[in-house]
PDB file of N, CA and C in Angstrom:
ATOM      1  N   MET A   1      16.897   9.618 -22.932  1.00  0.00           N
ATOM      2  CA  MET A   1      16.402   9.313 -24.260  1.00  0.00           C
ATOM      3  C   MET A   1      15.178  10.164 -24.575  1.00  0.00           C
ATOM      4  N   PRO A   2      15.374  11.468 -24.787  1.00  0.00           N
ATOM      5  CA  PRO A   2      14.223  12.307 -25.119  1.00  0.00           C
ATOM      6  C   PRO A   2      13.733  12.026 -26.542  1.00  0.00           C
ATOM      7  N   ILE A   3      12.414  11.987 -26.674  1.00  0.00           N
ATOM      8  CA  ILE A   3      11.792  11.808 -27.985  1.00  0.00           C
ATOM      9  C   ILE A   3      11.082  13.110 -28.324  1.00  0.00           C
ATOM     10  N   THR A   4      11.358  13.615 -29.511  1.00  0.00           N
ATOM     11  CA  THR A   4      10.736  14.857 -29.947  1.00  0.00           C
ATOM     12  C   THR A   4      10.072  14.660 -31.303  1.00  0.00           C
ATOM     13  N   LYS A   5       9.147  15.565 -31.612  1.00  0.00           N
ATOM     14  CA  LYS A   5       8.454  15.554 -32.892  1.00  0.00           C
ATOM     15  C   LYS A   5       8.721  16.898 -33.558  1.00  0.00           C
ATOM     16  N   GLN A   6       9.085  16.875 -34.840  1.00  0.00           N
ATOM     17  CA  GLN A   6       9.365  18.111 -35.557  1.00  0.00           C
ATOM     18  C   GLN A   6       8.858  18.017 -36.984  1.00  0.00           C
ATOM     19  N   THR A   7       8.468  19.156 -37.517  1.00  0.00           N
ATOM     20  CA  THR A   7       8.064  19.241 -38.912  1.00  0.00           C
ATOM     21  C   THR A   7       9.128  20.040 -39.647  1.00  0.00           C
ATOM     22  N   VAL A   8       9.626  19.476 -40.740  1.00  0.00           N
ATOM     23  CA  VAL A   8      10.678  20.133 -41.513  1.00  0.00           C
ATOM     24  C   VAL A   8      10.270  20.199 -42.982  1.00  0.00           C
ATOM     25  N   LEU A   9      10.729  21.265 -43.660  1.00  0.00           N
ATOM     26  CA  LEU A   9      10.571  21.321 -45.105  1.00  0.00           C
ATOM     27  C   LEU A   9      11.552  20.318 -45.683  1.00  0.00           C
ATOM     28  N   ASP A  10      11.038  19.312 -46.335  1.00  0.00           N
ATOM     29  CA  ASP A  10      11.865  18.205 -46.805  1.00  0.00           C
ATOM     30  C   ASP A  10      12.269  18.365 -48.268  1.00  0.00           C
ATOM     31  N   LYS A  11      11.340  18.869 -49.072  1.00  0.00           N
ATOM     32  CA  LYS A  11      11.609  18.986 -50.499  1.00  0.00           C
ATOM     33  C   LYS A  11      10.751  20.119 -51.058  1.00  0.00           C
ATOM     34  N   ILE A  12      11.351  20.945 -51.918  1.00  0.00           N
ATOM     35  CA  ILE A  12      10.627  22.044 -52.545  1.00  0.00           C
ATOM     36  C   ILE A  12      10.945  22.015 -54.033  1.00  0.00           C
ATOM     37  N   GLU A  13       9.903  22.070 -54.847  1.00  0.00           N
ATOM     38  CA  GLU A  13      10.079  22.114 -56.294  1.00  0.00           C
ATOM     39  C   GLU A  13       9.334  23.328 -56.842  1.00  0.00           C
ATOM     40  N   VAL A  14      10.004  24.094 -57.685  1.00  0.00           N
ATOM     41  CA  VAL A  14       9.383  25.237 -58.336  1.00  0.00           C
ATOM     42  C   VAL A  14       9.103  24.833 -59.783  1.00  0.00           C
ATOM     43  N   LEU A  15       7.871  25.029 -60.210  1.00  0.00           N
ATOM     44  CA  LEU A  15       7.500  24.735 -61.589  1.00  0.00           C
ATOM     45  C   LEU A  15       7.501  26.052 -62.360  1.00  0.00           C
ATOM     46  N   PRO A  16       8.578  26.340 -63.088  1.00  0.00           N
ATOM     47  CA  PRO A  16       8.726  27.644 -63.712  1.00  0.00           C
ATOM     48  C   PRO A  16       7.680  27.950 -64.778  1.00  0.00           C
ATOM     49  N   ARG A  17       7.144  26.933 -65.405  1.00  0.00           N
ATOM     50  CA  ARG A  17       6.144  27.172 -66.459  1.00  0.00           C
ATOM     51  C   ARG A  17       4.845  27.711 -65.876  1.00  0.00           C
ATOM     52  N   THR A  18       4.439  27.197 -64.717  1.00  0.00           N
ATOM     53  CA  THR A  18       3.145  27.593 -64.151  1.00  0.00           C
ATOM     54  C   THR A  18       3.261  28.482 -62.919  1.00  0.00           C
ATOM     55  N   GLY A  19       4.425  28.514 -62.282  1.00  0.00           N
ATOM     56  CA  GLY A  19       4.599  29.302 -61.070  1.00  0.00           C
ATOM     57  C   GLY A  19       4.183  28.592 -59.804  1.00  0.00           C
ATOM     58  N   HIS A  20       3.783  27.339 -59.904  1.00  0.00           N
ATOM     59  CA  HIS A  20       3.417  26.567 -58.723  1.00  0.00           C
ATOM     60  C   HIS A  20       4.675  26.172 -57.944  1.00  0.00           C
ATOM     61  N   ILE A  21       4.532  26.106 -56.631  1.00  0.00           N
ATOM     62  CA  ILE A  21       5.613  25.639 -55.770  1.00  0.00           C
ATOM     63  C   ILE A  21       5.097  24.404 -55.049  1.00  0.00           C
ATOM     64  N   GLN A  22       5.738  23.266 -55.278  1.00  0.00           N
ATOM     65  CA  GLN A  22       5.351  22.019 -54.631  1.00  0.00           C
ATOM     66  C   GLN A  22       6.212  21.838 -53.381  1.00  0.00           C
ATOM     67  N   VAL A  23       5.545  21.556 -52.279  1.00  0.00           N
ATOM     68  CA  VAL A  23       6.228  21.468 -50.991  1.00  0.00           C
ATOM     69  C   VAL A  23       5.969  20.092 -50.387  1.00  0.00           C
ATOM     70  N   ARG A  24       7.043  19.450 -49.932  1.00  0.00           N
ATOM     71  CA  ARG A  24       6.893  18.215 -49.162  1.00  0.00           C
ATOM     72  C   ARG A  24       7.436  18.495 -47.770  1.00  0.00           C
ATOM     73  N   GLU A  25       6.597  18.267 -46.775  1.00  0.00           N
ATOM     74  CA  GLU A  25       6.994  18.443 -45.384  1.00  0.00           C
ATOM     75  C   GLU A  25       7.105  17.064 -44.745  1.00  0.00           C
ATOM     76  N   ALA A  26       8.057  16.919 -43.860  1.00  0.00           N
ATOM     77  CA  ALA A  26       8.244  15.666 -43.145  1.00  0.00           C
ATOM     78  C   ALA A  26       7.949  15.891 -41.664  1.00  0.00           C
ATOM     79  N   LEU A  27       7.087  15.056 -41.126  1.00  0.00           N
ATOM     80  CA  LEU A  27       6.860  15.031 -39.687  1.00  0.00           C
ATOM     81  C   LEU A  27       7.782  13.934 -39.160  1.00  0.00           C
ATOM     82  N   GLU A  28       8.769  14.341 -38.388  1.00  0.00           N
ATOM     83  CA  GLU A  28       9.793  13.399 -37.924  1.00  0.00           C
ATOM     84  C   GLU A  28       9.692  13.166 -36.425  1.00  0.00           C
ATOM     85  N   ILE A  29       9.851  11.918 -36.047  1.00  0.00           N
ATOM     86  CA  ILE A  29       9.987  11.540 -34.647  1.00  0.00           C
ATOM     87  C   ILE A  29      11.475  11.287 -34.428  1.00  0.00           C
ATOM     88  N   VAL A  30      12.053  12.033 -33.491  1.00  0.00           N
ATOM     89  CA  VAL A  30      13.502  11.996 -33.280  1.00  0.00           C
ATOM     90  C   VAL A  30      13.798  11.521 -31.862  1.00  0.00           C
ATOM     91  N   GLU A  31      14.701  10.544 -31.759  1.00  0.00           N
ATOM     92  CA  GLU A  31      15.145  10.043 -30.455  1.00  0.00           C
ATOM     93  C   GLU A  31      16.660  10.151 -30.398  1.00  0.00           C
ATOM     94  N   ASP A  32      17.152  10.838 -29.416  1.00  0.00           N
ATOM     95  CA  ASP A  32      18.597  11.040 -29.242  1.00  0.00           C
ATOM     96  C   ASP A  32      19.272  11.552 -30.509  1.00  0.00           C
ATOM     97  N   GLY A  33      18.606  12.486 -31.187  1.00  0.00           N
ATOM     98  CA  GLY A  33      19.188  13.089 -32.379  1.00  0.00           C
ATOM     99  C   GLY A  33      19.046  12.277 -33.648  1.00  0.00           C
ATOM    100  N   GLU A  34      18.435  11.109 -33.586  1.00  0.00           N
ATOM    101  CA  GLU A  34      18.281  10.253 -34.764  1.00  0.00           C
ATOM    102  C   GLU A  34      16.809  10.118 -35.121  1.00  0.00           C
ATOM    103  N   VAL A  35      16.495  10.310 -36.407  1.00  0.00           N
ATOM    104  CA  VAL A  35      15.119  10.177 -36.871  1.00  0.00           C
ATOM    105  C   VAL A  35      14.752   8.698 -36.832  1.00  0.00           C
ATOM    106  N   ILE A  36      13.708   8.378 -36.059  1.00  0.00           N
ATOM    107  CA  ILE A  36      13.293   6.977 -35.956  1.00  0.00           C
ATOM    108  C   ILE A  36      12.012   6.710 -36.739  1.00  0.00           C
ATOM    109  N   SER A  37      11.319   7.784 -37.141  1.00  0.00           N
ATOM    110  CA  SER A  37      10.105   7.632 -37.931  1.00  0.00           C
ATOM    111  C   SER A  37       9.830   8.939 -38.646  1.00  0.00           C
ATOM    112  N   SER A  38       9.240   8.842 -39.846  1.00  0.00           N
ATOM    113  CA  SER A  38       8.857  10.051 -40.552  1.00  0.00           C
ATOM    114  C   SER A  38       7.607   9.786 -41.389  1.00  0.00           C
ATOM    115  N   LYS A  39       6.849  10.847 -41.572  1.00  0.00           N
ATOM    116  CA  LYS A  39       5.622  10.787 -42.357  1.00  0.00           C
ATOM    117  C   LYS A  39       5.602  12.045 -43.216  1.00  0.00           C
ATOM    118  N   TYR A  40       5.197  11.911 -44.479  1.00  0.00           N
ATOM    119  CA  TYR A  40       5.266  13.019 -45.418  1.00  0.00           C
ATOM    120  C   TYR A  40       3.885  13.582 -45.744  1.00  0.00           C
ATOM    121  N   HIS A  41       3.880  14.875 -45.994  1.00  0.00           N
ATOM    122  CA  HIS A  41       2.669  15.574 -46.437  1.00  0.00           C
ATOM    123  C   HIS A  41       3.075  16.472 -47.598  1.00  0.00           C
ATOM    124  N   ARG A  42       2.330  16.400 -48.686  1.00  0.00           N
ATOM    125  CA  ARG A  42       2.622  17.229 -49.856  1.00  0.00           C
ATOM    126  C   ARG A  42       1.507  18.245 -50.051  1.00  0.00           C
ATOM    127  N   ARG A  43       1.913  19.398 -50.560  1.00  0.00           N
ATOM    128  CA  ARG A  43       0.939  20.435 -50.883  1.00  0.00           C
ATOM    129  C   ARG A  43       1.513  21.328 -51.977  1.00  0.00           C
ATOM    130  N   VAL A  44       0.637  22.085 -52.597  1.00  0.00           N
ATOM    131  CA  VAL A  44       1.041  22.983 -53.674  1.00  0.00           C
ATOM    132  C   VAL A  44       0.666  24.405 -53.286  1.00  0.00           C
ATOM    133  N   VAL A  45       1.603  25.322 -53.469  1.00  0.00           N
ATOM    134  CA  VAL A  45       1.342  26.740 -53.261  1.00  0.00           C
ATOM    135  C   VAL A  45       1.022  27.330 -54.631  1.00  0.00           C
ATOM    136  N   GLU A  46      -0.202  27.821 -54.773  1.00  0.00           N
ATOM    137  CA  GLU A  46      -0.649  28.413 -56.032  1.00  0.00           C
ATOM    138  C   GLU A  46       0.072  29.742 -56.271  1.00  0.00           C
ATOM    139  N   PRO A  47       0.233  30.137 -57.540  1.00  0.00           N
ATOM    140  CA  PRO A  47       0.926  31.394 -57.831  1.00  0.00           C
ATOM    141  C   PRO A  47       0.259  32.621 -57.208  1.00  0.00           C
ATOM    142  N   ASP A  48      -1.066  32.601 -57.102  1.00  0.00           N
ATOM    143  CA  ASP A  48      -1.774  33.760 -56.570  1.00  0.00           C
ATOM    144  C   ASP A  48      -2.251  33.549 -55.128  1.00  0.00           C
ATOM    145  N   ALA A  49      -1.635  32.613 -54.424  1.00  0.00           N
ATOM    146  CA  ALA A  49      -2.022  32.312 -53.043  1.00  0.00           C
ATOM    147  C   ALA A  49      -1.545  33.391 -52.082  1.00  0.00           C
ATOM    148  N   ASP A  50      -2.253  33.506 -50.955  1.00  0.00           N
ATOM    149  CA  ASP A  50      -1.814  34.365 -49.862  1.00  0.00           C
ATOM    150  C   ASP A  50      -0.704  33.604 -49.137  1.00  0.00           C
ATOM    151  N   ILE A  51       0.513  34.120 -49.194  1.00  0.00           N
ATOM    152  CA  ILE A  51       1.660  33.389 -48.650  1.00  0.00           C
ATOM    153  C   ILE A  51       2.146  33.948 -47.316  1.00  0.00           C
ATOM    154  N   THR A  52       1.350  34.791 -46.681  1.00  0.00           N
ATOM    155  CA  THR A  52       1.806  35.425 -45.445  1.00  0.00           C
ATOM    156  C   THR A  52       2.111  34.416 -44.338  1.00  0.00           C
ATOM    157  N   GLY A  53       1.431  33.287 -44.306  1.00  0.00           N
ATOM    158  CA  GLY A  53       1.676  32.291 -43.271  1.00  0.00           C
ATOM    159  C   GLY A  53       2.714  31.245 -43.629  1.00  0.00           C
ATOM    160  N   GLU A  54       3.300  31.371 -44.800  1.00  0.00           N
ATOM    161  CA  GLU A  54       4.282  30.389 -45.260  1.00  0.00           C
ATOM    162  C   GLU A  54       5.646  30.658 -44.609  1.00  0.00           C
ATOM    163  N   PRO A  55       6.487  29.619 -44.527  1.00  0.00           N
ATOM    164  CA  PRO A  55       7.856  29.821 -44.038  1.00  0.00           C
ATOM    165  C   PRO A  55       8.611  30.811 -44.941  1.00  0.00           C
ATOM    166  N   GLU A  56       9.617  31.434 -44.383  1.00  0.00           N
ATOM    167  CA  GLU A  56      10.383  32.451 -45.109  1.00  0.00           C
ATOM    168  C   GLU A  56      10.950  31.919 -46.425  1.00  0.00           C
ATOM    169  N   LEU A  57      11.440  30.702 -46.434  1.00  0.00           N
ATOM    170  CA  LEU A  57      12.014  30.131 -47.654  1.00  0.00           C
ATOM    171  C   LEU A  57      10.983  30.079 -48.774  1.00  0.00           C
ATOM    172  N   ILE A  58       9.772  29.661 -48.466  1.00  0.00           N
ATOM    173  CA  ILE A  58       8.702  29.587 -49.463  1.00  0.00           C
ATOM    174  C   ILE A  58       8.344  30.999 -49.947  1.00  0.00           C
ATOM    175  N   ARG A  59       8.243  31.944 -49.023  1.00  0.00           N
ATOM    176  CA  ARG A  59       7.929  33.330 -49.403  1.00  0.00           C
ATOM    177  C   ARG A  59       9.004  33.888 -50.334  1.00  0.00           C
ATOM    178  N   ASN A  60      10.261  33.615 -50.033  1.00  0.00           N
ATOM    179  CA  ASN A  60      11.357  34.107 -50.878  1.00  0.00           C
ATOM    180  C   ASN A  60      11.333  33.465 -52.267  1.00  0.00           C
ATOM    181  N   LEU A  61      11.092  32.167 -52.326  1.00  0.00           N
ATOM    182  CA  LEU A  61      10.997  31.487 -53.625  1.00  0.00           C
ATOM    183  C   LEU A  61       9.824  32.029 -54.432  1.00  0.00           C
ATOM    184  N   HIS A  62       8.704  32.241 -53.764  1.00  0.00           N
ATOM    185  CA  HIS A  62       7.518  32.774 -54.433  1.00  0.00           C
ATOM    186  C   HIS A  62       7.828  34.153 -55.028  1.00  0.00           C
ATOM    187  N   ALA A  63       8.444  35.009 -54.241  1.00  0.00           N
ATOM    188  CA  ALA A  63       8.769  36.356 -54.710  1.00  0.00           C
ATOM    189  C   ALA A  63       9.746  36.319 -55.885  1.00  0.00           C
ATOM    190  N   ALA A  64      10.661  35.371 -55.868  1.00  0.00           N
ATOM    191  CA  ALA A  64      11.703  35.310 -56.900  1.00  0.00           C
ATOM    192  C   ALA A  64      11.245  34.639 -58.190  1.00  0.00           C
ATOM    193  N   THR A  65      10.207  33.793 -58.125  1.00  0.00           N
ATOM    194  CA  THR A  65       9.878  32.983 -59.298  1.00  0.00           C
ATOM    195  C   THR A  65       8.493  33.214 -59.879  1.00  0.00           C
ATOM    196  N   VAL A  66       7.578  33.782 -59.114  1.00  0.00           N
ATOM    197  CA  VAL A  66       6.203  33.933 -59.602  1.00  0.00           C
ATOM    198  C   VAL A  66       6.023  35.313 -60.223  1.00  0.00           C
ATOM    199  N   SER A  67       5.526  35.317 -61.460  1.00  0.00           N
ATOM    200  CA  SER A  67       5.327  36.568 -62.187  1.00  0.00           C
ATOM    201  C   SER A  67       3.848  36.957 -62.194  1.00  0.00           C
ATOM    202  N   ALA A  68       3.573  38.153 -62.653  1.00  0.00           N
ATOM    203  CA  ALA A  68       2.183  38.600 -62.793  1.00  0.00           C
ATOM    204  C   ALA A  68       1.439  37.713 -63.792  1.00  0.00           C
ATOM    205  N   GLU A  69       2.138  37.229 -64.809  1.00  0.00           N
ATOM    206  CA  GLU A  69       1.520  36.329 -65.790  1.00  0.00           C
ATOM    207  C   GLU A  69       1.116  35.010 -65.141  1.00  0.00           C
ATOM    208  N   HIS A  70       1.957  34.486 -64.247  1.00  0.00           N
ATOM    209  CA  HIS A  70       1.604  33.257 -63.525  1.00  0.00           C
ATOM    210  C   HIS A  70       0.335  33.473 -62.709  1.00  0.00           C
ATOM    211  N   LYS A  71       0.257  34.606 -62.026  1.00  0.00           N
ATOM    212  CA  LYS A  71      -0.907  34.900 -61.186  1.00  0.00           C
ATOM    213  C   LYS A  71      -2.171  35.039 -62.025  1.00  0.00           C
ATOM    214  N   ALA A  72      -2.075  35.725 -63.154  1.00  0.00           N
ATOM    215  CA  ALA A  72      -3.229  35.894 -64.037  1.00  0.00           C
ATOM    216  C   ALA A  72      -3.689  34.554 -64.613  1.00  0.00           C
ATOM    217  N   ALA A  73      -2.742  33.709 -64.991  1.00  0.00           N
ATOM    218  CA  ALA A  73      -3.088  32.393 -65.535  1.00  0.00           C
ATOM    219  C   ALA A  73      -3.764  31.525 -64.475  1.00  0.00           C
ATOM    220  N   ALA A  74      -3.302  31.597 -63.240  1.00  0.00           N
ATOM    221  CA  ALA A  74      -3.922  30.826 -62.154  1.00  0.00           C
ATOM    222  C   ALA A  74      -5.360  31.278 -61.939  1.00  0.00           C
ATOM    223  N   GLN A  75      -5.594  32.592 -61.960  1.00  0.00           N
ATOM    224  CA  GLN A  75      -6.953  33.107 -61.801  1.00  0.00           C
ATOM    225  C   GLN A  75      -7.828  32.685 -62.978  1.00  0.00           C
ATOM    226  N   ALA A  76      -7.289  32.705 -64.187  1.00  0.00           N
ATOM    227  CA  ALA A  76      -8.045  32.279 -65.369  1.00  0.00           C
ATOM    228  C   ALA A  76      -8.422  30.805 -65.285  1.00  0.00           C
ATOM    229  N   ARG A  77      -7.501  29.955 -64.803  1.00  0.00           N
ATOM    230  CA  ARG A  77      -7.815  28.525 -64.634  1.00  0.00           C
ATOM    231  C   ARG A  77      -8.922  28.330 -63.613  1.00  0.00           C
ATOM    232  N   ARG A  78      -8.851  29.093 -62.521  1.00  0.00           N
ATOM    233  CA  ARG A  78      -9.869  28.991 -61.478  1.00  0.00           C
ATOM    234  C   ARG A  78     -11.236  29.449 -62.010  1.00  0.00           C
ATOM    235  N   ASP A  79     -11.245  30.538 -62.771  1.00  0.00           N
ATOM    236  CA  ASP A  79     -12.493  31.045 -63.353  1.00  0.00           C
ATOM    237  C   ASP A  79     -13.088  30.031 -64.336  1.00  0.00           C
ATOM    238  N   ALA A  80     -12.250  29.418 -65.167  1.00  0.00           N
ATOM    239  CA  ALA A  80     -12.723  28.425 -66.129  1.00  0.00           C
ATOM    240  C   ALA A  80     -13.294  27.203 -65.415  1.00  0.00           C
ATOM    241  N   ALA A  81     -12.647  26.763 -64.351  1.00  0.00           N
ATOM    242  CA  ALA A  81     -13.150  25.614 -63.591  1.00  0.00           C
ATOM    243  C   ALA A  81     -14.490  25.954 -62.922  1.00  0.00           C
ATOM    244  N   GLN A  82     -14.603  27.176 -62.414  1.00  0.00           N
ATOM    245  CA  GLN A  82     -15.848  27.607 -61.775  1.00  0.00           C
ATOM    246  C   GLN A  82     -16.985  27.655 -62.785  1.00  0.00           C
ATOM    247  N   ALA A  83     -16.691  28.094 -63.992  1.00  0.00           N
ATOM    248  CA  ALA A  83     -17.720  28.204 -65.033  1.00  0.00           C
ATOM    249  C   ALA A  83     -18.236  26.829 -65.455  1.00  0.00           C
ATOM    250  N   LYS A  84     -17.414  25.783 -65.328  1.00  0.00           N
ATOM    251  CA  LYS A  84     -17.822  24.432 -65.720  1.00  0.00           C
ATOM    252  C   LYS A  84     -18.675  23.741 -64.663  1.00  0.00           C
ATOM    253  N   ARG A  85     -18.662  24.247 -63.438  1.00  0.00           N
ATOM    254  CA  ARG A  85     -19.431  23.608 -62.369  1.00  0.00           C
ATOM    255  C   ARG A  85     -20.912  23.838 -62.569  1.00  0.00           C
ATOM    256  N   PRO A  86     -21.712  22.784 -62.347  1.00  0.00           N
ATOM    257  CA  PRO A  86     -23.154  22.981 -62.453  1.00  0.00           C
ATOM    258  C   PRO A  86     -23.682  23.866 -61.319  1.00  0.00           C
ATOM    259  N   VAL A  87     -24.731  24.580 -61.613  1.00  0.00           N
ATOM    260  CA  VAL A  87     -25.302  25.499 -60.633  1.00  0.00           C
ATOM    261  C   VAL A  87     -26.191  24.817 -59.660  1.00  0.00           C
TER     262      VAL A  87
END
């Protein structure tokens, strides 16, 4: 009865309007090939993020769906948020 722990990409959503990629990963505890427990973690990949450490599937989706306009808009949102922060 070996028990193993694995992290899998569970759900991926691409937001075409903004270029964001929402990722849900599942940390699964598996016993004899059957998942006996799972815990989820969600994160968002920004359009202008460094994706070199991402899984191949995420890198491919990013390349196929994110445009230069998405990247520029993400930088503009970040700049606007930075300008609103008190010094």
